């Protein structure tokens, strides 16, 4: 478990996308014995839903455009 958490946090630091709560995902996977489906159902689906809600909410005003650029 320690190796999975260290790997996840290291990759987040290298990619400059730190998200400390995401460090709990490796623990959940190993403690519960979750399969690959866990990455699709709550994790990926939740991330996509958060981005869609953020895009909708932040673009309600005509004065602000979010995101200003993608990459």
N, C-alpha and C. Protein backbone atom coordinates (compact mmCIF):
# COMPACT_ATOMS: atom_id res chain seq x y z
N UNK A 1 0.82 -1.19 0.00
CA UNK A 1 0.00 0.00 0.00
C UNK A 1 0.87 1.25 0.00
N UNK A 2 1.94 1.21 0.75
CA UNK A 2 2.81 2.39 0.81
C UNK A 2 3.42 2.68 -0.56
N UNK A 3 3.79 1.64 -1.28
CA UNK A 3 4.37 1.82 -2.61
C UNK A 3 3.35 2.41 -3.58
N UNK A 4 2.12 1.95 -3.51
CA UNK A 4 1.09 2.49 -4.42
C UNK A 4 0.81 3.96 -4.12
N UNK A 5 0.76 4.30 -2.84
CA UNK A 5 0.53 5.70 -2.48
C UNK A 5 1.72 6.56 -2.89
N UNK A 6 2.94 6.08 -2.65
CA UNK A 6 4.13 6.84 -3.04
C UNK A 6 4.19 7.04 -4.55
N UNK A 7 3.83 6.01 -5.30
CA UNK A 7 3.82 6.11 -6.76
C UNK A 7 2.79 7.14 -7.22
N UNK A 8 1.59 7.07 -6.66
CA UNK A 8 0.53 8.01 -7.05
C UNK A 8 0.94 9.45 -6.73
N UNK A 9 1.47 9.68 -5.54
CA UNK A 9 1.86 11.03 -5.16
C UNK A 9 3.06 11.52 -5.97
N UNK A 10 4.00 10.63 -6.26
CA UNK A 10 5.16 11.01 -7.07
C UNK A 10 4.74 11.41 -8.48
N UNK A 11 3.85 10.62 -9.08
CA UNK A 11 3.37 10.96 -10.42
C UNK A 11 2.61 12.29 -10.43
N UNK A 12 1.83 12.54 -9.39
CA UNK A 12 1.12 13.81 -9.31
C UNK A 12 2.10 14.98 -9.20
N UNK A 13 3.18 14.79 -8.44
CA UNK A 13 4.18 15.85 -8.31
C UNK A 13 4.94 16.05 -9.61
N UNK A 14 5.32 14.96 -10.28
CA UNK A 14 6.06 15.05 -11.54
C UNK A 14 5.21 15.75 -12.61
N UNK A 15 3.94 15.40 -12.67
CA UNK A 15 3.05 15.99 -13.67
C UNK A 15 2.51 17.36 -13.26
N UNK A 16 2.91 17.81 -12.06
CA UNK A 16 2.49 19.10 -11.53
C UNK A 16 0.97 19.21 -11.40
N UNK A 17 0.34 18.13 -10.99
CA UNK A 17 -1.09 18.11 -10.74
C UNK A 17 -1.37 17.54 -9.35
N UNK A 18 -0.79 18.13 -8.30
CA UNK A 18 -0.99 17.56 -6.97
C UNK A 18 -2.45 17.64 -6.54
N UNK A 19 -2.92 16.55 -6.03
CA UNK A 19 -4.29 16.44 -5.53
C UNK A 19 -4.24 15.47 -4.36
N UNK A 20 -3.88 15.95 -3.16
CA UNK A 20 -3.67 15.06 -2.01
C UNK A 20 -4.82 14.10 -1.70
N UNK A 21 -6.10 14.51 -1.83
CA UNK A 21 -7.15 13.52 -1.56
C UNK A 21 -7.11 12.32 -2.50
N UNK A 22 -6.52 12.48 -3.68
CA UNK A 22 -6.43 11.35 -4.61
C UNK A 22 -5.50 10.27 -4.09
N UNK A 23 -4.70 10.58 -3.09
CA UNK A 23 -3.84 9.57 -2.48
C UNK A 23 -4.63 8.49 -1.77
N UNK A 24 -5.90 8.74 -1.47
CA UNK A 24 -6.72 7.73 -0.80
C UNK A 24 -7.17 6.63 -1.77
N UNK A 25 -7.19 6.91 -3.07
CA UNK A 25 -7.63 5.90 -4.03
C UNK A 25 -6.78 4.63 -4.00
N UNK A 26 -5.44 4.72 -3.98
CA UNK A 26 -4.67 3.47 -3.88
C UNK A 26 -4.96 2.69 -2.60
N UNK A 27 -5.16 3.40 -1.49
CA UNK A 27 -5.49 2.71 -0.24
C UNK A 27 -6.83 1.98 -0.36
N UNK A 28 -7.81 2.64 -0.93
CA UNK A 28 -9.12 2.02 -1.08
C UNK A 28 -9.04 0.79 -1.96
N UNK A 29 -8.31 0.89 -3.05
CA UNK A 29 -8.18 -0.24 -3.97
C UNK A 29 -7.55 -1.44 -3.27
N UNK A 30 -6.48 -1.21 -2.51
CA UNK A 30 -5.80 -2.33 -1.86
C UNK A 30 -6.52 -2.83 -0.63
N UNK A 31 -7.14 -1.96 0.15
CA UNK A 31 -7.84 -2.41 1.36
C UNK A 31 -9.11 -3.18 1.03
N UNK A 32 -9.84 -2.70 0.05
CA UNK A 32 -11.11 -3.33 -0.30
C UNK A 32 -10.91 -4.49 -1.28
N UNK A 33 -9.78 -4.47 -1.96
CA UNK A 33 -9.55 -5.48 -2.99
C UNK A 33 -10.36 -5.20 -4.23
N UNK A 34 -10.53 -3.90 -4.52
CA UNK A 34 -11.33 -3.50 -5.68
C UNK A 34 -10.64 -3.90 -6.97
N UNK A 35 -11.45 -4.12 -7.99
CA UNK A 35 -10.90 -4.48 -9.30
C UNK A 35 -10.81 -3.24 -10.18
N UNK A 36 -10.48 -3.43 -11.46
CA UNK A 36 -10.31 -2.31 -12.37
C UNK A 36 -11.60 -1.55 -12.59
N UNK A 37 -12.72 -2.16 -12.35
CA UNK A 37 -14.01 -1.49 -12.50
C UNK A 37 -14.12 -0.29 -11.56
N UNK A 38 -13.42 -0.36 -10.42
CA UNK A 38 -13.43 0.74 -9.46
C UNK A 38 -12.89 2.03 -10.08
N UNK A 39 -11.92 1.90 -11.00
CA UNK A 39 -11.38 3.09 -11.64
C UNK A 39 -12.37 3.73 -12.59
N UNK A 40 -13.27 2.94 -13.14
CA UNK A 40 -14.24 3.48 -14.09
C UNK A 40 -15.47 4.05 -13.41
N UNK A 41 -16.05 3.29 -12.50
CA UNK A 41 -17.33 3.69 -11.95
C UNK A 41 -17.22 4.89 -11.00
N UNK A 42 -16.66 4.78 -9.82
CA UNK A 42 -16.70 6.00 -9.01
C UNK A 42 -15.60 7.00 -9.37
N UNK A 43 -14.43 6.54 -9.73
CA UNK A 43 -13.31 7.46 -9.90
C UNK A 43 -13.39 8.25 -11.20
N UNK A 44 -13.38 7.59 -12.34
CA UNK A 44 -13.41 8.28 -13.63
C UNK A 44 -14.74 8.98 -13.85
N UNK A 45 -15.82 8.32 -13.53
CA UNK A 45 -17.15 8.92 -13.70
C UNK A 45 -17.29 10.16 -12.83
N UNK A 46 -16.80 10.09 -11.61
CA UNK A 46 -16.85 11.24 -10.70
C UNK A 46 -16.02 12.41 -11.21
N UNK A 47 -14.82 12.11 -11.74
CA UNK A 47 -13.96 13.16 -12.27
C UNK A 47 -14.60 13.84 -13.48
N UNK A 48 -15.17 13.04 -14.36
CA UNK A 48 -15.84 13.61 -15.55
C UNK A 48 -17.03 14.46 -15.13
N UNK A 49 -17.80 13.99 -14.19
CA UNK A 49 -18.96 14.73 -13.71
C UNK A 49 -18.54 16.06 -13.08
N UNK A 50 -17.46 16.05 -12.31
CA UNK A 50 -16.97 17.30 -11.71
C UNK A 50 -16.55 18.31 -12.77
N UNK A 51 -15.88 17.86 -13.81
CA UNK A 51 -15.45 18.77 -14.88
C UNK A 51 -16.65 19.32 -15.63
N UNK A 52 -17.64 18.48 -15.92
CA UNK A 52 -18.83 18.95 -16.64
C UNK A 52 -19.59 19.98 -15.81
N UNK A 53 -19.75 19.72 -14.52
CA UNK A 53 -20.44 20.68 -13.65
C UNK A 53 -19.65 21.99 -13.57
N UNK A 54 -18.32 21.89 -13.46
CA UNK A 54 -17.49 23.10 -13.40
C UNK A 54 -17.60 23.90 -14.69
N UNK A 55 -17.58 23.23 -15.83
CA UNK A 55 -17.72 23.93 -17.11
C UNK A 55 -19.08 24.63 -17.20
N UNK A 56 -20.13 23.93 -16.81
CA UNK A 56 -21.47 24.52 -16.86
C UNK A 56 -21.58 25.71 -15.91
N UNK A 57 -21.17 25.52 -14.67
CA UNK A 57 -21.30 26.55 -13.65
C UNK A 57 -20.47 27.79 -13.97
N UNK A 58 -19.24 27.57 -14.41
CA UNK A 58 -18.34 28.70 -14.67
C UNK A 58 -18.64 29.42 -15.97
N UNK A 59 -19.43 28.84 -16.84
CA UNK A 59 -19.79 29.50 -18.09
C UNK A 59 -21.21 30.06 -18.09
N UNK A 60 -21.84 30.12 -16.92
CA UNK A 60 -23.17 30.71 -16.83
C UNK A 60 -23.13 32.21 -17.16
N UNK A 61 -22.08 32.87 -16.73
CA UNK A 61 -21.93 34.30 -16.99
C UNK A 61 -21.29 34.50 -18.36
N UNK A 62 -21.77 35.48 -19.10
CA UNK A 62 -21.20 35.74 -20.42
C UNK A 62 -19.88 36.49 -20.32
N UNK A 63 -19.57 37.04 -19.13
CA UNK A 63 -18.34 37.80 -18.95
C UNK A 63 -17.12 36.90 -18.75
N UNK A 64 -17.35 35.69 -18.29
CA UNK A 64 -16.24 34.78 -17.96
C UNK A 64 -16.34 33.54 -18.83
N UNK A 65 -15.20 33.15 -19.38
CA UNK A 65 -15.15 31.91 -20.17
C UNK A 65 -14.17 30.95 -19.49
N UNK A 66 -14.63 29.79 -19.15
CA UNK A 66 -13.79 28.81 -18.47
C UNK A 66 -13.78 27.53 -19.27
N UNK A 67 -12.69 26.91 -19.53
CA UNK A 67 -11.33 27.37 -19.30
C UNK A 67 -10.91 28.34 -20.40
N UNK A 68 -9.94 29.17 -20.11
CA UNK A 68 -9.47 30.13 -21.11
C UNK A 68 -8.66 29.41 -22.18
N UNK A 69 -8.02 28.31 -21.84
CA UNK A 69 -7.31 27.47 -22.80
C UNK A 69 -7.29 26.05 -22.27
N UNK A 70 -7.14 25.08 -23.14
CA UNK A 70 -7.13 23.68 -22.72
C UNK A 70 -5.72 23.18 -22.51
N UNK A 71 -4.84 23.37 -23.45
CA UNK A 71 -3.45 22.93 -23.29
C UNK A 71 -2.53 23.92 -23.93
